[in-house]
Protein backbone atom coordinates (compact mmCIF):
# COMPACT_ATOMS: atom_id res chain seq x y z
CA MET A 1 0.00 0.00 0.00
CA LYS A 2 2.91 2.34 0.59
CA PRO A 3 3.82 2.83 -3.10
CA LYS A 4 0.19 3.62 -3.85
CA SER A 5 0.08 6.13 -1.00
CA ASP A 6 3.27 7.78 -2.25
CA HIS A 7 1.77 7.94 -5.74
CA HIS A 8 -1.36 9.66 -4.42
CA LEU A 9 0.76 12.16 -2.49
CA PHE A 10 2.77 12.95 -5.62
CA GLU A 11 -0.38 13.40 -7.69
CA ALA A 12 -1.83 15.70 -5.01
CA TYR A 13 1.41 17.69 -5.04
CA LYS A 14 1.21 18.06 -8.84
CA ARG A 15 -2.44 19.17 -8.62
CA ASN A 16 -1.49 21.80 -6.04
CA LEU A 17 1.27 23.09 -8.32
CA GLN A 18 -1.13 23.31 -11.26
CA ARG A 19 -3.72 25.04 -9.10
CA GLU A 20 -1.15 27.58 -7.89
CA LYS A 21 -0.04 28.28 -11.50
CA LYS A 22 -3.66 28.87 -12.53
CA ILE A 23 -4.22 31.26 -9.62
CA VAL A 24 -1.07 33.23 -10.47
CA LEU A 25 -1.98 33.37 -14.18
CA THR A 26 -5.53 34.48 -13.35
CA TRP A 27 -4.31 37.34 -11.18
CA GLN A 28 -1.78 38.37 -13.82
CA LEU A 29 -4.58 38.58 -16.40
CA ILE A 30 -6.82 40.49 -13.98
CA ILE A 31 -4.09 43.06 -13.35
CA LEU A 32 -3.37 43.39 -17.08
CA VAL A 33 -7.03 43.76 -18.11
CA GLY A 34 -7.70 46.07 -15.16
CA PHE A 35 -4.78 48.33 -16.12
CA PHE A 36 -5.99 48.76 -19.70
CA ALA A 37 -9.60 49.19 -18.58
CA ILE A 38 -8.67 51.94 -16.12
CA TRP A 39 -6.46 53.58 -18.75
CA GLU A 40 -9.29 53.57 -21.32
CA ILE A 41 -11.94 54.83 -18.89
CA THR A 42 -9.81 57.61 -17.41
CA SER A 43 -8.84 58.76 -20.91
CA ARG A 44 -12.46 58.82 -22.15
CA LEU A 45 -13.59 60.73 -19.04
CA ASN A 46 -10.65 63.16 -19.39
CA TRP A 47 -9.38 62.29 -15.92
CA ILE A 48 -5.99 62.04 -17.65
CA ASP A 49 -4.96 64.11 -20.64
CA PRO A 50 -5.92 62.00 -23.71
CA LEU A 51 -3.42 63.97 -25.83
CA LEU A 52 -0.47 62.98 -23.63
CA PHE A 53 -1.49 59.50 -22.50
CA SER A 54 -3.64 58.46 -25.48
CA SER A 55 -5.84 55.39 -24.82
CA PRO A 56 -5.76 51.64 -25.49
CA SER A 57 -8.38 51.92 -28.25
CA LYS A 58 -6.29 54.53 -30.12
CA VAL A 59 -3.13 52.48 -29.62
CA ILE A 60 -4.79 49.33 -30.96
CA GLN A 61 -6.18 51.22 -33.95
CA GLN A 62 -2.78 52.67 -34.78
CA LEU A 63 -1.02 49.33 -34.38
CA ILE A 64 -3.52 47.69 -36.74
CA GLU A 65 -2.84 50.42 -39.32
CA LYS A 66 0.95 50.19 -38.90
CA PHE A 67 0.99 46.40 -39.17
CA SER A 68 -1.41 46.47 -42.12
CA ASP A 69 0.80 48.76 -44.20
CA GLY A 70 3.97 47.09 -42.87
CA SER A 71 5.58 50.39 -41.89
CA ILE A 72 6.35 49.35 -38.31
CA LEU A 73 7.87 45.94 -39.05
CA PRO A 74 11.37 47.19 -40.03
CA HIS A 75 11.51 49.18 -36.78
CA ILE A 76 10.54 46.15 -34.69
CA GLN A 77 13.00 43.89 -36.49
CA ALA A 78 15.86 46.37 -36.05
CA THR A 79 15.25 46.82 -32.33
CA ILE A 80 14.82 43.10 -31.64
CA LEU A 81 18.03 42.28 -33.52
CA GLU A 82 20.00 44.93 -31.62
CA THR A 83 18.55 43.90 -28.27
CA VAL A 84 19.09 40.16 -28.70
CA LEU A 85 22.68 40.66 -29.85
CA GLY A 86 23.39 43.13 -27.05
CA PHE A 87 21.81 40.72 -24.55
CA ILE A 88 23.86 37.74 -25.75
CA ILE A 89 27.16 39.64 -26.03
CA GLY A 90 26.75 41.36 -22.65
CA THR A 91 25.85 38.14 -20.87
CA LEU A 92 28.58 35.99 -22.44
CA ALA A 93 31.22 38.69 -21.95
CA GLY A 94 30.21 39.10 -18.30
CA ILE A 95 30.41 35.35 -17.65
CA LEU A 96 33.80 35.16 -19.43
CA ILE A 97 35.24 38.06 -17.39
CA ALA A 98 33.88 36.54 -14.16
CA THR A 99 35.56 33.24 -15.08
CA ILE A 100 38.90 34.98 -15.68
CA LEU A 101 38.60 36.79 -12.34
CA TRP A 102 37.84 33.50 -10.56
CA ALA A 103 40.85 31.86 -12.23
CA SER A 104 43.21 34.57 -10.96
CA LEU A 105 42.75 35.63 -7.33
CA ARG A 106 45.34 38.40 -7.71
CA LEU A 107 43.61 39.83 -10.79
CA SER A 108 40.25 39.78 -9.00
CA LYS A 109 41.73 41.75 -6.09
CA ILE A 110 43.23 44.27 -8.51
CA MET A 111 40.03 44.70 -10.51
CA ASP A 112 37.55 44.67 -7.60
CA PRO A 113 37.47 48.46 -6.94
CA TYR A 114 37.38 49.24 -10.66
CA LEU A 115 34.39 46.95 -11.21
CA VAL A 116 32.53 48.62 -8.35
CA ILE A 117 33.30 52.07 -9.77
CA MET A 118 32.28 51.01 -13.30
CA ASN A 119 29.03 49.59 -11.96
CA ALA A 120 28.30 52.90 -10.21
CA MET A 121 28.93 54.92 -13.36
CA PRO A 122 25.89 55.80 -15.49
CA LYS A 123 26.57 53.68 -18.57
CA VAL A 124 23.98 55.64 -20.52
CA ALA A 125 26.25 58.68 -20.28
CA LEU A 126 28.84 56.75 -22.31
CA GLY A 127 26.45 56.71 -25.27
CA PRO A 128 27.89 59.73 -27.12
CA ILE A 129 31.45 58.42 -26.65
CA ILE A 130 30.51 54.98 -27.97
CA ILE A 131 28.75 56.51 -30.97
CA VAL A 132 31.78 58.65 -31.83
CA ALA A 133 34.12 55.67 -31.38
CA LEU A 134 32.09 53.06 -33.27
CA GLY A 135 30.11 55.25 -35.63
CA PRO A 136 26.38 55.98 -35.90
CA GLY A 137 25.02 52.55 -36.77
CA TYR A 138 23.98 49.14 -35.52
CA THR A 139 27.39 48.48 -33.95
CA SER A 140 27.20 51.37 -31.48
CA ILE A 141 23.61 50.54 -30.49
CA ILE A 142 24.44 46.86 -29.91
CA ALA A 143 27.49 47.96 -27.89
CA MET A 144 25.20 50.11 -25.72
CA GLY A 145 22.96 47.11 -25.08
CA ALA A 146 25.98 44.98 -24.15
CA ILE A 147 27.90 47.50 -22.03
CA ILE A 148 24.94 48.33 -19.84
CA SER A 149 24.68 44.68 -18.71
CA VAL A 150 28.24 43.33 -18.86
CA VAL A 151 29.48 44.87 -15.57
CA ILE A 152 26.52 43.76 -13.47
CA THR A 153 26.76 40.29 -15.03
CA THR A 154 30.44 40.10 -14.12
CA LEU A 155 29.85 41.16 -10.52
CA VAL A 156 26.87 38.87 -9.92
CA VAL A 157 28.36 35.77 -11.58
CA TYR A 158 31.77 36.24 -9.94
CA SER A 159 30.07 36.56 -6.55
CA GLY A 160 28.20 33.35 -7.36
CA PHE A 161 31.49 31.58 -8.14
CA ARG A 162 32.98 32.66 -4.82
CA GLU A 163 29.92 31.63 -2.81
CA VAL A 164 30.02 28.01 -3.98
CA ASP A 165 30.77 25.63 -1.09
CA PRO A 166 34.59 25.21 -1.07
CA ASN A 167 34.16 21.59 0.03
CA TYR A 168 33.12 20.72 -3.53
CA GLU A 169 36.50 21.82 -4.81
CA LYS A 170 38.33 20.07 -1.95
CA VAL A 171 36.62 16.76 -2.71
CA LEU A 172 37.50 16.99 -6.41
CA LYS A 173 41.11 17.95 -5.65
CA SER A 174 41.41 14.96 -3.34
CA PHE A 175 40.78 12.83 -6.45
CA GLY A 176 43.48 14.66 -8.38
CA ALA A 177 41.27 17.12 -10.28
CA SER A 178 42.90 20.25 -11.69
CA ARG A 179 41.58 23.74 -10.93
CA TRP A 180 39.93 23.89 -14.38
CA GLN A 181 38.26 20.52 -13.80
CA CYS A 182 36.98 21.76 -10.44
CA PHE A 183 35.51 24.78 -12.18
CA LYS A 184 33.92 22.75 -14.98
CA GLU A 185 32.49 19.98 -12.78
CA ALA A 186 31.50 21.90 -9.61
CA ILE A 187 31.81 25.70 -9.62
CA PHE A 188 30.15 26.46 -12.95
CA PRO A 189 27.18 24.05 -12.56
CA ALA A 190 26.56 25.22 -8.97
CA THR A 191 26.39 28.84 -10.18
CA MET A 192 23.84 28.09 -12.93
CA PRO A 193 20.84 29.45 -10.94
CA THR A 194 22.72 32.72 -10.40
CA MET A 195 23.42 32.98 -14.13
CA ILE A 196 19.75 32.40 -14.94
CA SER A 197 18.77 35.16 -12.51
CA THR A 198 21.29 37.42 -14.24
CA LEU A 199 19.72 36.60 -17.62
CA LYS A 200 16.35 37.79 -16.33
CA VAL A 201 17.87 41.08 -15.19
CA ASN A 202 19.79 41.48 -18.45
CA VAL A 203 16.59 41.29 -20.49
CA GLY A 204 15.55 44.67 -19.08
CA LEU A 205 19.05 46.15 -19.10
CA SER A 206 19.60 45.27 -22.76
CA TRP A 207 16.35 46.97 -23.74
CA VAL A 208 17.36 50.10 -21.82
CA GLY A 209 20.75 50.24 -23.54
CA VAL A 210 19.37 49.67 -27.04
CA ILE A 211 16.50 52.14 -26.72
CA VAL A 212 18.85 54.82 -25.38
CA GLY A 213 21.22 54.11 -28.27
CA GLU A 214 18.34 54.51 -30.72
CA PHE A 215 17.37 57.76 -29.02
CA LEU A 216 20.82 59.13 -29.76
CA VAL A 217 21.67 57.92 -33.24
CA SER A 218 19.25 55.54 -34.96
CA LYS A 219 17.11 56.29 -38.00
CA GLU A 220 14.96 53.23 -37.39
CA GLY A 221 13.80 51.15 -34.45
CA LEU A 222 11.26 51.55 -31.67
CA GLY A 223 13.48 54.04 -29.86
CA TYR A 224 13.53 56.17 -33.00
CA LEU A 225 9.72 56.01 -33.21
CA ILE A 226 9.43 57.19 -29.60
CA VAL A 227 11.65 60.20 -30.28
CA TYR A 228 9.83 60.93 -33.54
CA GLY A 229 6.47 60.69 -31.78
CA PHE A 230 7.56 63.26 -29.21
CA GLN A 231 8.83 65.58 -31.94
CA VAL A 232 5.54 65.58 -33.87
CA PHE A 233 3.32 65.36 -30.75
CA ASP A 234 2.01 61.95 -31.81
CA PHE A 235 1.85 60.46 -28.32
CA THR A 236 -0.25 57.55 -29.53
CA LEU A 237 2.80 56.48 -31.55
CA VAL A 238 4.92 56.81 -28.42
CA MET A 239 2.53 54.63 -26.39
CA SER A 240 2.25 52.11 -29.24
CA SER A 241 6.04 51.74 -29.33
CA LEU A 242 6.16 51.30 -25.56
CA ILE A 243 3.46 48.62 -25.70
CA ILE A 244 5.41 46.71 -28.37
CA ILE A 245 8.58 46.96 -26.26
CA ALA A 246 6.70 45.60 -23.25
CA ILE A 247 5.29 42.68 -25.27
CA VAL A 248 8.63 41.68 -26.82
CA ALA A 249 10.47 42.10 -23.49
CA GLY A 250 7.85 39.86 -21.90
CA ILE A 251 8.40 37.24 -24.60
CA MET A 252 12.17 37.38 -24.01
CA TYR A 253 11.60 36.99 -20.26
CA LYS A 254 9.40 33.94 -20.85
CA GLY A 255 12.11 32.55 -23.12
CA VAL A 256 14.63 32.85 -20.29
CA GLU A 257 12.16 31.08 -17.99
CA LYS A 258 11.88 28.23 -20.51
CA ILE A 259 15.68 27.96 -20.58
CA GLU A 260 15.68 27.90 -16.77
CA SER A 261 13.10 25.09 -16.71
CA TRP A 262 15.08 23.09 -19.29
CA LEU A 263 18.32 23.46 -17.32
CA ILE A 264 16.66 22.43 -14.06
CA LYS A 265 15.14 19.41 -15.78
CA HIS A 266 18.36 18.26 -17.46
CA THR A 267 20.94 19.20 -14.82
CA GLY A 268 18.96 18.70 -11.63
């Protein structure tokens, strides 16, 4: 009877997990629908300035028009390409630098104050310098997306490396493992949850860097549309661009969650 009892307990546990997921999803939808409903109502009743804040109905109408004539697609494609590349480069570069710092204790001590100072610096302020150095094009915008996340990735991942239980490394060394083997078999896998958390943060940071870069130099992209909308007082265009950014950023975040679930399933 014991195996059957254990099976029932496991099934009850799975049902509770499914129930909790449904509750969370329901509340997320309620908040989303409620936000747009309040926005629409307050705009129609002039409780907020409809010129500045527009309304969901106007945004939807404009998006339908823009997608129908295809005029917005090149802007979306440009921004997504820049953001994804900036996200990947910034994350990989941060993990690589953190690995180098872990491999050399002396180098990590030397670089520690500089990393803290660089993290405190407003990376957005480096935009004009990057544009002058790399030229007004995709390269400088992608660099903005990468630079804004690379330092925080380095700091977080390196801290994760250092916080791994040192007994793991001692056990491996007792079997004759090299320092690199210790890193590959124990340190790096143990820090995987920290890296996934960093990916989630980097989704937002990459968007900030790319949009700021498009503010400064781009002739296409969602950041360019936001600036153009402000210039011509088309605030519906501004809100439409922001809604698209929110949707795509949400999709990227869900993609990172899928990667997290896959890693937990295959490495747990």
